[in-house]
Amino acid sequence: MKKALLRGLIGFPIGVTIGYAITIFTSLALGKGSYSPVVPAMAEQFGSEIAAVAVQFVLCGVMGVAFAAMSVIWENERLNLAAQSMINFLLSVCVMIPIAYVCYWMEHSLSGVLGYIGIFAGIYASIWVAMFFVYRANIQKINKDLNK
């Protein structure tokens, strides 16, 4: 638990940094020369752009805290890889979906939520598969070195 809390503290600035990097890249790609720190619907919902930016700042930090703290799941040796993956995925969805909804990163409808979950699951699965092969290669190298 202590390790999760310490990682969570480190996660806040990382979450904020990633969140704002995304707004910069999105603005570069879609902004036609303008910077859009939040989705216009979010600014309208919160009454001003600065209020929406403040909320998004906090939520990106919370997301960073949650994802950093959840990283300890991968170190729980009592759980097999399937259980670790399922727990991490479900907790990730429980964190990501409400934040994405509040920040208007998805359409506010059932199809929007389900579509976002589908995209999230696809990205999660892609990263999981890539990391699986990276770790498997590392383990094979370590085993090979041990056999020398």
C-alpha atoms as a PDB file:
ATOM      1  CA  MET A   1       0.000   0.000   0.000  1.00  0.00           C
ATOM      2  CA  LYS A   2       2.856   2.372   0.825  1.00  0.00           C
ATOM      3  CA  LYS A   3       4.430   1.725  -2.578  1.00  0.00           C
ATOM      4  CA  ALA A   4       1.111   2.499  -4.314  1.00  0.00           C
ATOM      5  CA  LEU A   5       0.769   5.790  -2.405  1.00  0.00           C
ATOM      6  CA  LEU A   6       4.327   6.868  -3.215  1.00  0.00           C
ATOM      7  CA  ARG A   7       3.872   6.046  -6.881  1.00  0.00           C
ATOM      8  CA  GLY A   8       0.562   7.883  -6.833  1.00  0.00           C
ATOM      9  CA  LEU A   9       2.266  11.070  -5.639  1.00  0.00           C
ATOM     10  CA  ILE A  10       4.684  10.869  -8.550  1.00  0.00           C
ATOM     11  CA  GLY A  11       1.765  10.176 -10.884  1.00  0.00           C
ATOM     12  CA  PHE A  12       0.036  13.551 -10.420  1.00  0.00           C
ATOM     13  CA  PRO A  13       2.589  15.678 -12.299  1.00  0.00           C
ATOM     14  CA  ILE A  14       3.047  12.923 -14.875  1.00  0.00           C
ATOM     15  CA  GLY A  15      -0.723  12.811 -15.510  1.00  0.00           C
ATOM     16  CA  VAL A  16      -0.891  16.597 -15.867  1.00  0.00           C
ATOM     17  CA  THR A  17       2.094  16.613 -18.232  1.00  0.00           C
ATOM     18  CA  ILE A  18       0.604  13.902 -20.440  1.00  0.00           C
ATOM     19  CA  GLY A  19      -2.805  15.617 -20.409  1.00  0.00           C
ATOM     20  CA  TYR A  20      -1.367  18.906 -21.577  1.00  0.00           C
ATOM     21  CA  ALA A  21       0.905  17.282 -24.135  1.00  0.00           C
ATOM     22  CA  ILE A  22      -2.231  15.743 -25.632  1.00  0.00           C
ATOM     23  CA  THR A  23      -3.940  19.160 -25.823  1.00  0.00           C
ATOM     24  CA  ILE A  24      -0.893  20.590 -27.597  1.00  0.00           C
ATOM     25  CA  PHE A  25      -0.683  17.745 -30.126  1.00  0.00           C
ATOM     26  CA  THR A  26      -4.428  17.824 -30.697  1.00  0.00           C
ATOM     27  CA  SER A  27      -4.321  21.574 -31.246  1.00  0.00           C
ATOM     28  CA  LEU A  28      -1.399  21.217 -33.646  1.00  0.00           C
ATOM     29  CA  ALA A  29      -3.298  18.586 -35.618  1.00  0.00           C
ATOM     30  CA  LEU A  30      -6.810  20.044 -35.518  1.00  0.00           C
ATOM     31  CA  GLY A  31      -6.577  23.589 -34.168  1.00  0.00           C
ATOM     32  CA  LYS A  32      -5.897  25.441 -37.431  1.00  0.00           C
ATOM     33  CA  GLY A  33      -3.253  27.571 -35.693  1.00  0.00           C
ATOM     34  CA  SER A  34      -5.161  27.956 -32.411  1.00  0.00           C
ATOM     35  CA  TYR A  35      -4.589  26.288 -29.063  1.00  0.00           C
ATOM     36  CA  SER A  36      -7.622  24.589 -27.540  1.00  0.00           C
ATOM     37  CA  PRO A  37      -6.876  23.605 -23.928  1.00  0.00           C
ATOM     38  CA  VAL A  38     -10.309  22.003 -23.455  1.00  0.00           C
ATOM     39  CA  VAL A  39     -13.209  20.837 -25.548  1.00  0.00           C
ATOM     40  CA  PRO A  40     -15.608  23.789 -26.094  1.00  0.00           C
ATOM     41  CA  ALA A  41     -18.515  21.811 -24.605  1.00  0.00           C
ATOM     42  CA  MET A  42     -16.537  21.407 -21.376  1.00  0.00           C
ATOM     43  CA  ALA A  43     -15.892  25.155 -21.182  1.00  0.00           C
ATOM     44  CA  GLU A  44     -19.608  25.739 -21.664  1.00  0.00           C
ATOM     45  CA  GLN A  45     -20.494  23.135 -19.011  1.00  0.00           C
ATOM     46  CA  PHE A  46     -18.191  24.739 -16.425  1.00  0.00           C
ATOM     47  CA  GLY A  47     -19.118  28.327 -17.285  1.00  0.00           C
ATOM     48  CA  SER A  48     -15.707  29.442 -18.573  1.00  0.00           C
ATOM     49  CA  GLU A  49     -12.637  28.108 -20.285  1.00  0.00           C
ATOM     50  CA  ILE A  50     -10.425  28.709 -17.237  1.00  0.00           C
ATOM     51  CA  ALA A  51     -12.780  26.790 -14.940  1.00  0.00           C
ATOM     52  CA  ALA A  52     -12.804  23.903 -17.400  1.00  0.00           C
ATOM     53  CA  VAL A  53      -9.000  24.011 -17.684  1.00  0.00           C
ATOM     54  CA  ALA A  54      -8.692  23.881 -13.888  1.00  0.00           C
ATOM     55  CA  VAL A  55     -11.030  20.880 -13.685  1.00  0.00           C
ATOM     56  CA  GLN A  56      -9.208  19.102 -16.508  1.00  0.00           C
ATOM     57  CA  PHE A  57      -5.864  19.833 -14.789  1.00  0.00           C
ATOM     58  CA  VAL A  58      -7.041  18.184 -11.565  1.00  0.00           C
ATOM     59  CA  LEU A  59      -8.635  15.236 -13.373  1.00  0.00           C
ATOM     60  CA  CYS A  60      -5.497  14.580 -15.447  1.00  0.00           C
ATOM     61  CA  GLY A  61      -3.523  14.607 -12.203  1.00  0.00           C
ATOM     62  CA  VAL A  62      -6.004  12.217 -10.575  1.00  0.00           C
ATOM     63  CA  MET A  63      -5.701   9.934 -13.588  1.00  0.00           C
ATOM     64  CA  GLY A  64      -1.907   9.998 -13.243  1.00  0.00           C
ATOM     65  CA  VAL A  65      -2.190   9.177  -9.532  1.00  0.00           C
ATOM     66  CA  ALA A  66      -4.522   6.259 -10.230  1.00  0.00           C
ATOM     67  CA  PHE A  67      -2.487   4.757 -13.068  1.00  0.00           C
ATOM     68  CA  ALA A  68       0.783   5.124 -11.158  1.00  0.00           C
ATOM     69  CA  ALA A  69      -0.698   3.563  -8.017  1.00  0.00           C
ATOM     70  CA  MET A  70      -2.248   0.717 -10.029  1.00  0.00           C
ATOM     71  CA  SER A  71       1.174  -0.234 -11.366  1.00  0.00           C
ATOM     72  CA  VAL A  72       1.786  -2.194  -8.160  1.00  0.00           C
ATOM     73  CA  ILE A  73      -0.788  -4.735  -9.380  1.00  0.00           C
ATOM     74  CA  TRP A  74       1.855  -6.061 -11.787  1.00  0.00           C
ATOM     75  CA  GLU A  75       4.128  -6.844  -8.840  1.00  0.00           C
ATOM     76  CA  ASN A  76       1.627  -8.982  -6.948  1.00  0.00           C
ATOM     77  CA  GLU A  77       3.128 -12.456  -7.266  1.00  0.00           C
ATOM     78  CA  ARG A  78       0.057 -14.123  -5.726  1.00  0.00           C
ATOM     79  CA  LEU A  79      -1.909 -13.247  -8.871  1.00  0.00           C
ATOM     80  CA  ASN A  80      -1.329 -14.815 -12.254  1.00  0.00           C
ATOM     81  CA  LEU A  81      -0.917 -12.642 -15.344  1.00  0.00           C
ATOM     82  CA  ALA A  82      -4.573 -13.048 -16.374  1.00  0.00           C
ATOM     83  CA  ALA A  83      -5.824 -11.875 -12.963  1.00  0.00           C
ATOM     84  CA  GLN A  84      -3.357  -8.977 -12.861  1.00  0.00           C
ATOM     85  CA  SER A  85      -4.430  -7.935 -16.346  1.00  0.00           C
ATOM     86  CA  MET A  86      -8.156  -8.136 -15.614  1.00  0.00           C
ATOM     87  CA  ILE A  87      -7.883  -6.218 -12.335  1.00  0.00           C
ATOM     88  CA  ASN A  88      -5.680  -3.551 -13.918  1.00  0.00           C
ATOM     89  CA  PHE A  89      -7.968  -3.215 -16.929  1.00  0.00           C
ATOM     90  CA  LEU A  90     -11.163  -2.964 -14.859  1.00  0.00           C
ATOM     91  CA  LEU A  91      -9.665  -0.400 -12.486  1.00  0.00           C
ATOM     92  CA  SER A  92      -8.304   1.543 -15.468  1.00  0.00           C
ATOM     93  CA  VAL A  93     -11.761   1.654 -17.062  1.00  0.00           C
ATOM     94  CA  CYS A  94     -13.311   2.758 -13.744  1.00  0.00           C
ATOM     95  CA  VAL A  95     -10.859   5.671 -13.596  1.00  0.00           C
ATOM     96  CA  MET A  96     -10.738   6.581 -17.274  1.00  0.00           C
ATOM     97  CA  ILE A  97     -14.408   6.565 -18.261  1.00  0.00           C
ATOM     98  CA  PRO A  98     -15.714   9.070 -15.675  1.00  0.00           C
ATOM     99  CA  ILE A  99     -12.797  11.421 -16.311  1.00  0.00           C
ATOM    100  CA  ALA A 100     -13.206  11.155 -20.084  1.00  0.00           C
ATOM    101  CA  TYR A 101     -16.933  11.802 -19.689  1.00  0.00           C
ATOM    102  CA  VAL A 102     -16.483  14.908 -17.522  1.00  0.00           C
ATOM    103  CA  CYS A 103     -13.787  16.267 -19.861  1.00  0.00           C
ATOM    104  CA  TYR A 104     -15.954  15.629 -22.951  1.00  0.00           C
ATOM    105  CA  TRP A 105     -13.347  13.353 -24.487  1.00  0.00           C
ATOM    106  CA  MET A 106     -16.263  11.213 -25.616  1.00  0.00           C
ATOM    107  CA  GLU A 107     -19.757  11.787 -26.897  1.00  0.00           C
ATOM    108  CA  HIS A 108     -22.257  12.006 -24.034  1.00  0.00           C
ATOM    109  CA  SER A 109     -24.408   9.072 -25.097  1.00  0.00           C
ATOM    110  CA  LEU A 110     -24.496   5.324 -24.567  1.00  0.00           C
ATOM    111  CA  SER A 111     -22.895   4.767 -27.963  1.00  0.00           C
ATOM    112  CA  GLY A 112     -20.227   7.364 -27.127  1.00  0.00           C
ATOM    113  CA  VAL A 113     -19.383   5.656 -23.840  1.00  0.00           C
ATOM    114  CA  LEU A 114     -19.363   2.182 -25.404  1.00  0.00           C
ATOM    115  CA  GLY A 115     -17.265   3.412 -28.327  1.00  0.00           C
ATOM    116  CA  TYR A 116     -14.776   5.020 -25.948  1.00  0.00           C
ATOM    117  CA  ILE A 117     -14.552   1.822 -23.906  1.00  0.00           C
ATOM    118  CA  GLY A 118     -13.947  -0.095 -27.148  1.00  0.00           C
ATOM    119  CA  ILE A 119     -11.174   2.264 -28.225  1.00  0.00           C
ATOM    120  CA  PHE A 120      -9.686   2.168 -24.723  1.00  0.00           C
ATOM    121  CA  ALA A 121      -9.807  -1.647 -24.695  1.00  0.00           C
ATOM    122  CA  GLY A 122      -8.118  -1.773 -28.109  1.00  0.00           C
ATOM    123  CA  ILE A 123      -5.318   0.538 -27.019  1.00  0.00           C
ATOM    124  CA  TYR A 124      -4.957  -1.345 -23.724  1.00  0.00           C
ATOM    125  CA  ALA A 125      -4.767  -4.695 -25.542  1.00  0.00           C
ATOM    126  CA  SER A 126      -2.196  -3.368 -28.029  1.00  0.00           C
ATOM    127  CA  ILE A 127       0.042  -2.072 -25.247  1.00  0.00           C
ATOM    128  CA  TRP A 128      -0.454  -5.290 -23.245  1.00  0.00           C
ATOM    129  CA  VAL A 129       0.575  -7.494 -26.195  1.00  0.00           C
ATOM    130  CA  ALA A 130       3.602  -5.320 -26.976  1.00  0.00           C
ATOM    131  CA  MET A 131       4.749  -5.375 -23.350  1.00  0.00           C
ATOM    132  CA  PHE A 132       4.165  -9.135 -23.130  1.00  0.00           C
ATOM    133  CA  PHE A 133       6.589  -9.727 -25.998  1.00  0.00           C
ATOM    134  CA  VAL A 134       9.140  -7.252 -24.608  1.00  0.00           C
ATOM    135  CA  TYR A 135       9.094  -8.931 -21.181  1.00  0.00           C
ATOM    136  CA  ARG A 136       9.162 -12.399 -22.713  1.00  0.00           C
ATOM    137  CA  ALA A 137      12.245 -11.482 -24.748  1.00  0.00           C
ATOM    138  CA  ASN A 138      13.911 -10.040 -21.632  1.00  0.00           C
ATOM    139  CA  ILE A 139      13.172 -13.208 -19.660  1.00  0.00           C
ATOM    140  CA  GLN A 140      14.526 -15.384 -22.461  1.00  0.00           C
ATOM    141  CA  LYS A 141      17.718 -13.288 -22.520  1.00  0.00           C
ATOM    142  CA  ILE A 142      18.128 -13.571 -18.744  1.00  0.00           C
ATOM    143  CA  ASN A 143      17.571 -17.335 -18.893  1.00  0.00           C
ATOM    144  CA  LYS A 144      20.068 -17.642 -21.744  1.00  0.00           C
ATOM    145  CA  ASP A 145      22.639 -15.633 -19.759  1.00  0.00           C
ATOM    146  CA  LEU A 146      22.048 -17.796 -16.672  1.00  0.00           C
ATOM    147  CA  ASN A 147      22.641 -20.964 -18.684  1.00  0.00           C
ATOM    148  CA  LYS A 148      26.095 -19.743 -19.818  1.00  0.00           C
END
